[in-house]
Structures are given as structure tokens and as C-alpha cells.
Amino acid sequence: MKSVETWFSEYSESHQNPVNKNIHWICVPLIYFTVIGLFWSIPVPSLFQSVPYLNFATIALVLSLAFYLRLSPMLALGMLILSFLMIYLIVLLQGTVFPIVFGVYSYGILELSITVFILAWIGQFIGHKIEGKKPSFLKDLQFLLIGPIWLLGFIYQKLKIAY
């Protein structure tokens, strides 16, 4: 398995332009949040309902955190904390209805996640158009998991936290 430094180095190759980087600072966390929201919205079998918060989002997070743990326990810890914060936000928003300005339709977590997911990916592709390079995940789908910890790695460096 590649080291976290190797993943970051390869990911950085297509993330040099400052505008693209800034777009990623906005869009990558939004995509991470919306993916959790999308998985959260999948109806669960009755077997799951007896265990609070056991759903497809938490299962997906356990799997992604296992991947992060193999790369760096410290980055995995940071992603665990961020994941808990995002789940908390989803739980807070879950009962909220977001009305659309020109209609009576309302948005729940599923609709909000789909909308923000699409807009964030449009932002990502605009960033890569500016960069002049294709998104890393077109080379290897695992790069979809690298984006969030790549950003977290920058935060750790600023805070002088070794990973």
C-alpha cells in the first residue's frame, strides 16, 4: 500500500493552481458532507433500526476510516472527529425543511445533499479546468478518499501536528 506521503505527492500534481486549491478548500468538505448525507438517506433494513445511528453512512465511514487508519493514525483521528461533526450536523438538519423560494416543494437531507453534491462537483471541475489537469480520481478512484485528508494534512502542518 502507498504511503500517505506518496498519495499526497501524486494528488498534489493536479492541485498546484492557487484558484483550484481554494476551490478544493470549499468543495471537498462539501462533497464529503454530502456523501455522508446521501448514505444517511438510504433507508435501512429493520435489523439496523435497533442500533442507534447504524446506517449506511456510518458503515461507509467505518470503511473509509479504516483506509485512513492504514495511512496515518493521526489523520484518521482527525477524519473521525470531522466525521462526527458532520453526522451531528446531519442529525440537526434531519428534521429541518428547507423551502424553495419559488415553490412549495421542500428539501430534506437527501435533496440538500444531492443539490450541494452537484454544485460542489461543478466547482471541482471548474477548478480543474483552471488547473489544466484532469481530476486525480480519473486515474485512481482511491483519490476520492485522499482529497479530504490532503486538506487535513495542510491543517496539521500549520498546527505543527505530525502525521
Protein backbone atom coordinates (compact mmCIF):
# COMPACT_ATOMS: atom_id res chain seq x y z
CA MET A 1 0.00 0.00 0.00
CA LYS A 2 1.21 3.52 -0.83
CA SER A 3 2.32 5.77 1.99
CA VAL A 4 0.34 8.88 2.84
CA GLU A 5 3.24 10.98 1.53
CA THR A 6 3.09 9.18 -1.83
CA TRP A 7 -0.68 9.71 -2.06
CA PHE A 8 -0.28 13.41 -1.18
CA SER A 9 2.53 13.86 -3.70
CA GLU A 10 0.51 12.28 -6.50
CA TYR A 11 -2.62 14.22 -5.53
CA SER A 12 -0.66 17.49 -5.42
CA GLU A 13 0.44 17.05 -9.04
CA SER A 14 -3.00 18.14 -10.24
CA HIS A 15 -3.57 20.68 -7.47
CA GLN A 16 -0.92 23.38 -7.98
CA ASN A 17 -3.02 26.34 -9.12
CA PRO A 18 -3.99 28.59 -6.17
CA VAL A 19 -7.53 29.09 -7.52
CA ASN A 20 -8.03 25.33 -7.87
CA LYS A 21 -6.68 24.82 -4.34
CA ASN A 22 -9.09 27.43 -2.95
CA ILE A 23 -11.98 25.79 -4.77
CA HIS A 24 -10.95 22.47 -3.22
CA TRP A 25 -10.98 24.00 0.28
CA ILE A 26 -14.66 24.76 -0.27
CA CYS A 27 -15.82 21.85 -2.42
CA VAL A 28 -14.02 18.85 -0.90
CA PRO A 29 -15.55 19.28 2.59
CA LEU A 30 -18.95 19.91 0.98
CA ILE A 31 -18.64 16.73 -1.07
CA TYR A 32 -17.55 14.75 2.00
CA PHE A 33 -20.55 16.11 3.92
CA THR A 34 -22.99 15.39 1.10
CA VAL A 35 -21.74 11.85 0.56
CA ILE A 36 -22.42 11.20 4.24
CA GLY A 37 -25.84 12.81 3.78
CA LEU A 38 -26.59 10.66 0.73
CA PHE A 39 -25.64 7.45 2.53
CA TRP A 40 -27.58 8.66 5.60
CA SER A 41 -30.68 8.99 3.42
CA ILE A 42 -30.70 5.37 2.24
CA PRO A 43 -33.47 3.51 4.07
CA VAL A 44 -32.08 0.91 6.44
CA PRO A 45 -33.30 -2.64 6.98
CA SER A 46 -35.32 -3.20 10.16
CA LEU A 47 -32.34 -5.10 11.61
CA PHE A 48 -30.36 -1.83 11.67
CA GLN A 49 -33.10 0.14 13.39
CA SER A 50 -32.46 -1.46 16.77
CA VAL A 51 -28.98 0.12 16.89
CA PRO A 52 -28.97 3.93 17.06
CA TYR A 53 -27.05 5.59 14.22
CA LEU A 54 -26.33 2.30 12.47
CA ASN A 55 -26.98 3.11 8.85
CA PHE A 56 -25.21 3.08 5.51
CA ALA A 57 -23.43 6.37 6.28
CA THR A 58 -21.84 5.05 9.46
CA ILE A 59 -20.87 1.81 7.72
CA ALA A 60 -19.25 3.76 4.86
CA LEU A 61 -17.45 5.96 7.37
CA VAL A 62 -16.06 2.95 9.25
CA LEU A 63 -14.68 1.61 5.96
CA SER A 64 -13.17 4.94 4.94
CA LEU A 65 -11.71 5.46 8.41
CA ALA A 66 -10.10 2.01 8.19
CA PHE A 67 -8.43 3.17 4.95
CA TYR A 68 -7.26 6.37 6.66
CA LEU A 69 -6.02 4.42 9.68
CA ARG A 70 -3.75 2.35 7.46
CA LEU A 71 -2.29 5.55 6.01
CA SER A 72 -1.93 7.59 9.19
CA PRO A 73 -3.49 7.08 12.63
CA MET A 74 -3.29 10.84 13.33
CA LEU A 75 -5.05 11.77 10.09
CA ALA A 76 -7.62 9.04 10.76
CA LEU A 77 -8.27 10.60 14.18
CA GLY A 78 -8.82 13.98 12.55
CA MET A 79 -11.19 12.46 10.00
CA LEU A 80 -13.05 10.67 12.79
CA ILE A 81 -13.60 13.98 14.57
CA LEU A 82 -14.68 15.71 11.35
CA SER A 83 -16.99 12.80 10.52
CA PHE A 84 -18.64 13.03 13.95
CA LEU A 85 -19.15 16.77 13.44
CA MET A 86 -20.72 16.17 10.04
CA ILE A 87 -23.00 13.46 11.41
CA TYR A 88 -24.00 15.83 14.21
CA LEU A 89 -24.86 18.49 11.62
CA ILE A 90 -26.87 15.98 9.59
CA VAL A 91 -28.79 14.93 12.72
CA LEU A 92 -29.50 18.60 13.48
CA LEU A 93 -30.65 19.25 9.92
CA GLN A 94 -32.56 15.99 9.57
CA GLY A 95 -35.82 17.37 10.90
CA THR A 96 -35.40 20.71 9.15
CA VAL A 97 -37.26 21.62 5.99
CA PHE A 98 -35.58 23.97 3.53
CA PRO A 99 -38.27 25.67 1.43
CA ILE A 100 -37.53 26.63 -2.15
CA VAL A 101 -38.12 30.31 -2.87
CA PHE A 102 -40.35 29.80 -5.92
CA GLY A 103 -42.49 26.87 -4.91
CA VAL A 104 -43.97 24.76 -2.23
CA TYR A 105 -41.54 21.87 -2.52
CA SER A 106 -39.27 21.40 0.47
CA TYR A 107 -35.78 19.98 0.77
CA GLY A 108 -34.73 17.33 3.26
CA ILE A 109 -31.25 15.90 3.82
CA LEU A 110 -31.44 13.80 0.64
CA GLU A 111 -32.40 16.70 -1.60
CA LEU A 112 -29.99 19.08 0.10
CA SER A 113 -27.17 16.54 -0.28
CA ILE A 114 -27.91 15.93 -3.97
CA THR A 115 -28.06 19.65 -4.75
CA VAL A 116 -24.89 20.59 -2.88
CA PHE A 117 -23.09 17.48 -4.21
CA ILE A 118 -23.80 18.50 -7.81
CA LEU A 119 -22.84 22.14 -7.22
CA ALA A 120 -19.63 21.16 -5.42
CA TRP A 121 -18.61 18.82 -8.24
CA ILE A 122 -19.27 21.58 -10.77
CA GLY A 123 -16.92 23.70 -8.68
CA GLN A 124 -14.33 20.93 -8.66
CA PHE A 125 -14.42 20.58 -12.43
CA ILE A 126 -14.16 24.36 -12.87
CA GLY A 127 -11.08 24.26 -10.62
CA HIS A 128 -9.52 21.50 -12.68
CA LYS A 129 -10.32 23.37 -15.90
CA ILE A 130 -8.44 26.35 -14.46
CA GLU A 131 -5.65 23.99 -13.34
CA GLY A 132 -5.46 22.49 -16.81
CA LYS A 133 -5.27 18.96 -15.43
CA LYS A 134 -7.78 16.17 -15.02
CA PRO A 135 -9.03 15.29 -11.53
CA SER A 136 -6.85 12.69 -9.80
CA PHE A 137 -9.73 10.27 -9.27
CA LEU A 138 -9.88 9.65 -13.03
CA LYS A 139 -6.51 7.91 -12.57
CA ASP A 140 -7.44 6.04 -9.37
CA LEU A 141 -10.78 6.11 -7.54
CA GLN A 142 -8.98 5.96 -4.19
CA PHE A 143 -8.10 9.62 -4.75
CA LEU A 144 -11.72 10.38 -3.84
CA LEU A 145 -10.72 9.42 -0.29
CA ILE A 146 -7.41 11.30 -0.45
CA GLY A 147 -8.85 14.78 -1.05
CA PRO A 148 -10.22 15.24 2.48
CA ILE A 149 -7.05 14.05 4.24
CA TRP A 150 -4.88 16.06 1.83
CA LEU A 151 -6.63 19.18 3.12
CA LEU A 152 -6.43 17.92 6.70
CA GLY A 153 -2.70 17.37 6.17
CA PHE A 154 -2.30 21.10 5.41
CA ILE A 155 -4.14 21.95 8.63
CA TYR A 156 -1.91 19.57 10.59
CA GLN A 157 1.19 21.17 9.06
CA LYS A 158 0.01 24.66 10.05
CA LEU A 159 -0.67 23.41 13.58
CA LYS A 160 2.65 21.52 13.60
CA ILE A 161 0.90 18.20 14.22
CA ALA A 162 2.91 15.25 12.95
CA TYR A 163 1.08 12.64 10.95
